[in-house]
Every structure is written in C-alpha cells, then in structure tokens.
PDB file of N, CA and C in Angstrom:
ATOM      1  N   MET A   1      96.916  81.921  87.820  1.00  0.00           N
ATOM      2  CA  MET A   1      97.889  82.676  88.603  1.00  0.00           C
ATOM      3  C   MET A   1      98.995  81.725  89.067  1.00  0.00           C
ATOM      4  N   GLN A   2     100.199  82.259  89.053  1.00  0.00           N
ATOM      5  CA  GLN A   2     101.321  81.519  89.610  1.00  0.00           C
ATOM      6  C   GLN A   2     101.365  81.765  91.109  1.00  0.00           C
ATOM      7  N   GLU A   3     102.023  80.887  91.805  1.00  0.00           N
ATOM      8  CA  GLU A   3     102.104  81.028  93.259  1.00  0.00           C
ATOM      9  C   GLU A   3     103.562  81.097  93.678  1.00  0.00           C
ATOM     10  N   ILE A   4     103.841  82.004  94.616  1.00  0.00           N
ATOM     11  CA  ILE A   4     105.174  82.128  95.210  1.00  0.00           C
ATOM     12  C   ILE A   4     105.010  81.891  96.702  1.00  0.00           C
ATOM     13  N   ILE A   5     105.851  81.062  97.251  1.00  0.00           N
ATOM     14  CA  ILE A   5     105.801  80.805  98.690  1.00  0.00           C
ATOM     15  C   ILE A   5     107.018  81.479  99.319  1.00  0.00           C
ATOM     16  N   LEU A   6     106.763  82.364 100.274  1.00  0.00           N
ATOM     17  CA  LEU A   6     107.832  83.048 100.999  1.00  0.00           C
ATOM     18  C   LEU A   6     107.975  82.426 102.379  1.00  0.00           C
ATOM     19  N   LYS A   7     109.182  82.301 102.827  1.00  0.00           N
ATOM     20  CA  LYS A   7     109.458  81.802 104.170  1.00  0.00           C
ATOM     21  C   LYS A   7     109.830  82.983 105.060  1.00  0.00           C
ATOM     22  N   CYS A   8     109.196  83.055 106.231  1.00  0.00           N
ATOM     23  CA  CYS A   8     109.482  84.106 107.202  1.00  0.00           C
ATOM     24  C   CYS A   8     109.838  83.449 108.528  1.00  0.00           C
ATOM     25  N   PRO A   9     110.609  84.139 109.339  1.00  0.00           N
ATOM     26  CA  PRO A   9     110.919  83.594 110.664  1.00  0.00           C
ATOM     27  C   PRO A   9     109.629  83.362 111.467  1.00  0.00           C
ATOM     28  N   ASP A  10     109.651  82.365 112.318  1.00  0.00           N
ATOM     29  CA  ASP A  10     108.480  82.029 113.120  1.00  0.00           C
ATOM     30  C   ASP A  10     108.027  83.184 114.006  1.00  0.00           C
ATOM     31  N   ASP A  11     108.953  84.058 114.379  1.00  0.00           N
ATOM     32  CA  ASP A  11     108.585  85.145 115.285  1.00  0.00           C
ATOM     33  C   ASP A  11     108.066  86.390 114.573  1.00  0.00           C
ATOM     34  N   PHE A  12     107.900  86.340 113.244  1.00  0.00           N
ATOM     35  CA  PHE A  12     107.302  87.467 112.538  1.00  0.00           C
ATOM     36  C   PHE A  12     105.837  87.594 112.949  1.00  0.00           C
ATOM     37  N   THR A  13     105.421  88.827 113.162  1.00  0.00           N
ATOM     38  CA  THR A  13     104.022  89.064 113.527  1.00  0.00           C
ATOM     39  C   THR A  13     103.152  89.068 112.272  1.00  0.00           C
ATOM     40  N   LYS A  14     101.854  89.000 112.486  1.00  0.00           N
ATOM     41  CA  LYS A  14     100.920  89.077 111.357  1.00  0.00           C
ATOM     42  C   LYS A  14     101.075  90.415 110.636  1.00  0.00           C
ATOM     43  N   GLU A  15     101.365  91.472 111.391  1.00  0.00           N
ATOM     44  CA  GLU A  15     101.549  92.790 110.803  1.00  0.00           C
ATOM     45  C   GLU A  15     102.772  92.806 109.886  1.00  0.00           C
ATOM     46  N   GLN A  16     103.859  92.178 110.314  1.00  0.00           N
ATOM     47  CA  GLN A  16     105.059  92.131 109.485  1.00  0.00           C
ATOM     48  C   GLN A  16     104.802  91.326 108.206  1.00  0.00           C
ATOM     49  N   MET A  17     104.091  90.211 108.339  1.00  0.00           N
ATOM     50  CA  MET A  17     103.789  89.386 107.178  1.00  0.00           C
ATOM     51  C   MET A  17     102.837  90.111 106.234  1.00  0.00           C
ATOM     52  N   SER A  18     101.902  90.860 106.794  1.00  0.00           N
ATOM     53  CA  SER A  18     100.984  91.643 105.973  1.00  0.00           C
ATOM     54  C   SER A  18     101.755  92.708 105.201  1.00  0.00           C
ATOM     55  N   PHE A  19     102.709  93.346 105.853  1.00  0.00           N
ATOM     56  CA  PHE A  19     103.539  94.354 105.196  1.00  0.00           C
ATOM     57  C   PHE A  19     104.303  93.750 104.024  1.00  0.00           C
ATOM     58  N   ILE A  20     104.866  92.562 104.227  1.00  0.00           N
ATOM     59  CA  ILE A  20     105.601  91.878 103.167  1.00  0.00           C
ATOM     60  C   ILE A  20     104.665  91.552 102.010  1.00  0.00           C
ATOM     61  N   LYS A  21     103.450  91.091 102.324  1.00  0.00           N
ATOM     62  CA  LYS A  21     102.474  90.768 101.291  1.00  0.00           C
ATOM     63  C   LYS A  21     102.108  92.021 100.492  1.00  0.00           C
ATOM     64  N   LEU A  22     101.891  93.139 101.185  1.00  0.00           N
ATOM     65  CA  LEU A  22     101.553  94.387 100.498  1.00  0.00           C
ATOM     66  C   LEU A  22     102.729  94.900  99.668  1.00  0.00           C
ATOM     67  N   SER A  23     103.948  94.705 100.166  1.00  0.00           N
ATOM     68  CA  SER A  23     105.129  95.106  99.404  1.00  0.00           C
ATOM     69  C   SER A  23     105.232  94.289  98.113  1.00  0.00           C
ATOM     70  N   ALA A  24     104.958  92.994  98.217  1.00  0.00           N
ATOM     71  CA  ALA A  24     104.981  92.135  97.033  1.00  0.00           C
ATOM     72  C   ALA A  24     103.919  92.591  96.036  1.00  0.00           C
ATOM     73  N   LEU A  25     102.731  92.918  96.533  1.00  0.00           N
ATOM     74  CA  LEU A  25     101.670  93.393  95.652  1.00  0.00           C
ATOM     75  C   LEU A  25     102.094  94.670  94.934  1.00  0.00           C
ATOM     76  N   SER A  26     102.753  95.572  95.637  1.00  0.00           N
ATOM     77  CA  SER A  26     103.224  96.817  95.014  1.00  0.00           C
ATOM     78  C   SER A  26     104.197  96.517  93.889  1.00  0.00           C
ATOM     79  N   GLN A  27     105.078  95.559  94.100  1.00  0.00           N
ATOM     80  CA  GLN A  27     106.049  95.203  93.067  1.00  0.00           C
ATOM     81  C   GLN A  27     105.356  94.540  91.881  1.00  0.00           C
ATOM     82  N   ILE A  28     104.395  93.652  92.147  1.00  0.00           N
ATOM     83  CA  ILE A  28     103.631  93.008  91.077  1.00  0.00           C
ATOM     84  C   ILE A  28     102.895  94.068  90.270  1.00  0.00           C
ATOM     85  N   SER A  29     102.271  95.003  90.956  1.00  0.00           N
ATOM     86  CA  SER A  29     101.553  96.085  90.290  1.00  0.00           C
ATOM     87  C   SER A  29     102.489  96.892  89.395  1.00  0.00           C
ATOM     88  N   ALA A  30     103.677  97.209  89.896  1.00  0.00           N
ATOM     89  CA  ALA A  30     104.653  97.975  89.118  1.00  0.00           C
ATOM     90  C   ALA A  30     105.082  97.202  87.875  1.00  0.00           C
ATOM     91  N   GLU A  31     105.289  95.904  88.012  1.00  0.00           N
ATOM     92  CA  GLU A  31     105.683  95.086  86.866  1.00  0.00           C
ATOM     93  C   GLU A  31     104.571  95.035  85.828  1.00  0.00           C
ATOM     94  N   ILE A  32     103.341  94.892  86.270  1.00  0.00           N
ATOM     95  CA  ILE A  32     102.206  94.869  85.345  1.00  0.00           C
ATOM     96  C   ILE A  32     102.090  96.220  84.642  1.00  0.00           C
ATOM     97  N   ARG A  33     102.252  97.296  85.391  1.00  0.00           N
ATOM     98  CA  ARG A  33     102.101  98.636  84.825  1.00  0.00           C
ATOM     99  C   ARG A  33     103.222  98.998  83.843  1.00  0.00           C
ATOM    100  N   LYS A  34     104.359  98.297  83.894  1.00  0.00           N
ATOM    101  CA  LYS A  34     105.438  98.569  82.937  1.00  0.00           C
ATOM    102  C   LYS A  34     104.980  98.305  81.510  1.00  0.00           C
ATOM    103  N   THR A  35     103.949  97.503  81.348  1.00  0.00           N
ATOM    104  CA  THR A  35     103.454  97.176  80.014  1.00  0.00           C
ATOM    105  C   THR A  35     102.454  98.211  79.502  1.00  0.00           C
ATOM    106  N   LEU A  36     102.170  99.229  80.307  1.00  0.00           N
ATOM    107  CA  LEU A  36     101.145 100.204  79.945  1.00  0.00           C
ATOM    108  C   LEU A  36     101.494 101.008  78.701  1.00  0.00           C
ATOM    109  N   ALA A  37     100.455 101.246  77.930  1.00  0.00           N
ATOM    110  CA  ALA A  37     100.518 102.227  76.860  1.00  0.00           C
ATOM    111  C   ALA A  37      99.584 103.354  77.300  1.00  0.00           C
ATOM    112  N   ILE A  38      99.559 104.425  76.584  1.00  0.00           N
ATOM    113  CA  ILE A  38      98.774 105.579  76.994  1.00  0.00           C
ATOM    114  C   ILE A  38      97.260 105.341  77.020  1.00  0.00           C
ATOM    115  N   PRO A  39      96.677 104.558  76.123  1.00  0.00           N
ATOM    116  CA  PRO A  39      95.214 104.427  76.085  1.00  0.00           C
ATOM    117  C   PRO A  39      94.612 103.984  77.431  1.00  0.00           C
ATOM    118  N   GLN A  40      93.509 104.610  77.804  1.00  0.00           N
ATOM    119  CA  GLN A  40      92.836 104.312  79.071  1.00  0.00           C
ATOM    120  C   GLN A  40      92.423 102.843  79.153  1.00  0.00           C
ATOM    121  N   ALA A  41      92.091 102.241  78.025  1.00  0.00           N
ATOM    122  CA  ALA A  41      91.687 100.830  78.020  1.00  0.00           C
ATOM    123  C   ALA A  41      92.814  99.949  78.554  1.00  0.00           C
ATOM    124  N   ASP A  42      94.067 100.285  78.238  1.00  0.00           N
ATOM    125  CA  ASP A  42      95.205  99.523  78.747  1.00  0.00           C
ATOM    126  C   ASP A  42      95.365  99.717  80.251  1.00  0.00           C
ATOM    127  N   ILE A  43      95.166 100.936  80.707  1.00  0.00           N
ATOM    128  CA  ILE A  43      95.247 101.222  82.145  1.00  0.00           C
ATOM    129  C   ILE A  43      94.171 100.440  82.883  1.00  0.00           C
ATOM    130  N   ASP A  44      92.957 100.458  82.350  1.00  0.00           N
ATOM    131  CA  ASP A  44      91.858  99.715  82.972  1.00  0.00           C
ATOM    132  C   ASP A  44      92.147  98.216  83.012  1.00  0.00           C
ATOM    133  N   ALA A  45      92.738  97.673  81.953  1.00  0.00           N
ATOM    134  CA  ALA A  45      93.063  96.245  81.908  1.00  0.00           C
ATOM    135  C   ALA A  45      94.098  95.896  82.977  1.00  0.00           C
ATOM    136  N   CYS A  46      95.087  96.771  83.185  1.00  0.00           N
ATOM    137  CA  CYS A  46      96.089  96.539  84.235  1.00  0.00           C
ATOM    138  C   CYS A  46      95.456  96.612  85.611  1.00  0.00           C
ATOM    139  N   ASP A  47      94.554  97.557  85.798  1.00  0.00           N
ATOM    140  CA  ASP A  47      93.872  97.674  87.086  1.00  0.00           C
ATOM    141  C   ASP A  47      93.072  96.411  87.393  1.00  0.00           C
ATOM    142  N   VAL A  48      92.480  95.807  86.361  1.00  0.00           N
ATOM    143  CA  VAL A  48      91.743  94.554  86.544  1.00  0.00           C
ATOM    144  C   VAL A  48      92.704  93.447  86.973  1.00  0.00           C
ATOM    145  N   LYS A  49      93.892  93.361  86.333  1.00  0.00           N
ATOM    146  CA  LYS A  49      94.880  92.351  86.709  1.00  0.00           C
ATOM    147  C   LYS A  49      95.320  92.536  88.160  1.00  0.00           C
ATOM    148  N   VAL A  50      95.603  93.786  88.545  1.00  0.00           N
ATOM    149  CA  VAL A  50      96.034  94.070  89.917  1.00  0.00           C
ATOM    150  C   VAL A  50      94.929  93.679  90.895  1.00  0.00           C
ATOM    151  N   ALA A  51      93.681  93.984  90.566  1.00  0.00           N
ATOM    152  CA  ALA A  51      92.550  93.614  91.428  1.00  0.00           C
ATOM    153  C   ALA A  51      92.450  92.096  91.559  1.00  0.00           C
ATOM    154  N   GLU A  52      92.707  91.358  90.472  1.00  0.00           N
ATOM    155  CA  GLU A  52      92.678  89.899  90.529  1.00  0.00           C
ATOM    156  C   GLU A  52      93.769  89.367  91.446  1.00  0.00           C
ATOM    157  N   VAL A  53      94.966  89.963  91.387  1.00  0.00           N
ATOM    158  CA  VAL A  53      96.066  89.545  92.252  1.00  0.00           C
ATOM    159  C   VAL A  53      95.709  89.833  93.711  1.00  0.00           C
ATOM    160  N   LYS A  54      95.160  91.030  93.989  1.00  0.00           N
ATOM    161  CA  LYS A  54      94.750  91.375  95.350  1.00  0.00           C
ATOM    162  C   LYS A  54      93.756  90.352  95.873  1.00  0.00           C
ATOM    163  N   GLU A  55      92.757  90.023  95.053  1.00  0.00           N
ATOM    164  CA  GLU A  55      91.745  89.062  95.473  1.00  0.00           C
ATOM    165  C   GLU A  55      92.372  87.688  95.718  1.00  0.00           C
ATOM    166  N   ALA A  56      93.257  87.263  94.830  1.00  0.00           N
ATOM    167  CA  ALA A  56      93.916  85.973  94.984  1.00  0.00           C
ATOM    168  C   ALA A  56      94.773  85.926  96.251  1.00  0.00           C
ATOM    169  N   MET A  57      95.349  87.087  96.625  1.00  0.00           N
ATOM    170  CA  MET A  57      96.180  87.168  97.828  1.00  0.00           C
ATOM    171  C   MET A  57      95.352  87.423  99.080  1.00  0.00           C
ATOM    172  N   GLY A  58      94.062  87.647  98.912  1.00  0.00           N
ATOM    173  CA  GLY A  58      93.197  87.912 100.065  1.00  0.00           C
ATOM    174  C   GLY A  58      93.448  89.263 100.696  1.00  0.00           C
ATOM    175  N   ILE A  59      93.878  90.234  99.905  1.00  0.00           N
ATOM    176  CA  ILE A  59      94.177  91.568 100.425  1.00  0.00           C
ATOM    177  C   ILE A  59      92.921  92.424 100.348  1.00  0.00           C
ATOM    178  N   VAL A  60      92.559  92.959 101.492  1.00  0.00           N
ATOM    179  CA  VAL A  60      91.418  93.875 101.560  1.00  0.00           C
ATOM    180  C   VAL A  60      91.966  95.212 102.023  1.00  0.00           C
ATOM    181  N   GLU A  61      91.747  96.240 101.212  1.00  0.00           N
ATOM    182  CA  GLU A  61      92.247  97.559 101.577  1.00  0.00           C
ATOM    183  C   GLU A  61      91.302  98.200 102.578  1.00  0.00           C
ATOM    184  N   VAL A  62      91.880  98.797 103.583  1.00  0.00           N
ATOM    185  CA  VAL A  62      91.113  99.487 104.596  1.00  0.00           C
ATOM    186  C   VAL A  62      91.277 100.983 104.382  1.00  0.00           C
ATOM    187  N   GLU A  63      90.146 101.683 104.279  1.00  0.00           N
ATOM    188  CA  GLU A  63      90.246 103.135 104.110  1.00  0.00           C
ATOM    189  C   GLU A  63      90.681 103.776 105.410  1.00  0.00           C
ATOM    190  N   GLU A  64      91.594 104.721 105.314  1.00  0.00           N
ATOM    191  CA  GLU A  64      92.032 105.433 106.499  1.00  0.00           C
ATOM    192  C   GLU A  64      90.986 106.466 106.871  1.00  0.00           C
ATOM    193  N   PRO A  65      90.772 106.647 108.168  1.00  0.00           N
ATOM    194  CA  PRO A  65      89.783 107.650 108.580  1.00  0.00           C
ATOM    195  C   PRO A  65      90.191 109.030 108.089  1.00  0.00           C
ATOM    196  N   LYS A  66      89.206 109.813 107.700  1.00  0.00           N
ATOM    197  CA  LYS A  66      89.493 111.171 107.224  1.00  0.00           C
ATOM    198  C   LYS A  66      89.742 112.073 108.417  1.00  0.00           C
ATOM    199  N   LYS A  67      90.767 112.917 108.279  1.00  0.00           N
ATOM    200  CA  LYS A  67      91.087 113.861 109.349  1.00  0.00           C
ATOM    201  C   LYS A  67      90.133 115.037 109.259  1.00  0.00           C
ATOM    202  N   GLU A  68      89.639 115.438 110.384  1.00  0.00           N
ATOM    203  CA  GLU A  68      88.707 116.577 110.424  1.00  0.00           C
ATOM    204  C   GLU A  68      89.406 117.837 110.825  1.00  0.00           C
TER     205      GLU A  68
END
C-alpha cells in the first residue's frame, strides 16, 4: 500500500479528522470501483481491496442503531 500524509490544522478535532479519513476512503473506493466489470468476481475483488484499505487506515465501521 502507498501512504499519503495529510496535514490538518492543530485545532481540528478527532471527529473532523475522522471525517476527512472517511472521505478519502470513499474516494479511494470510487477509484477502485471505476475498474469494475459486470462479473460478480470483479466486484468481490474490489470489495476485498476496499476492505484492505479500511484495515490499513484503521477504520472500523460502527453500525447505526435501528430505529424502532
């Protein structure tokens, strides 16, 4: 994996930095998915790449509580 270092102002909160990290992941995912062909095997391979990037970035998705 390649590494990109982003600089943020010192007064950015952890929440703001997390948002930026998630935004970057969304863009990486979109770029990876641009290579998709219709076969499910290709979709699965992209999902594996995205999961590897998430793990490398230390991103853990939190499920939102279900509304009753």
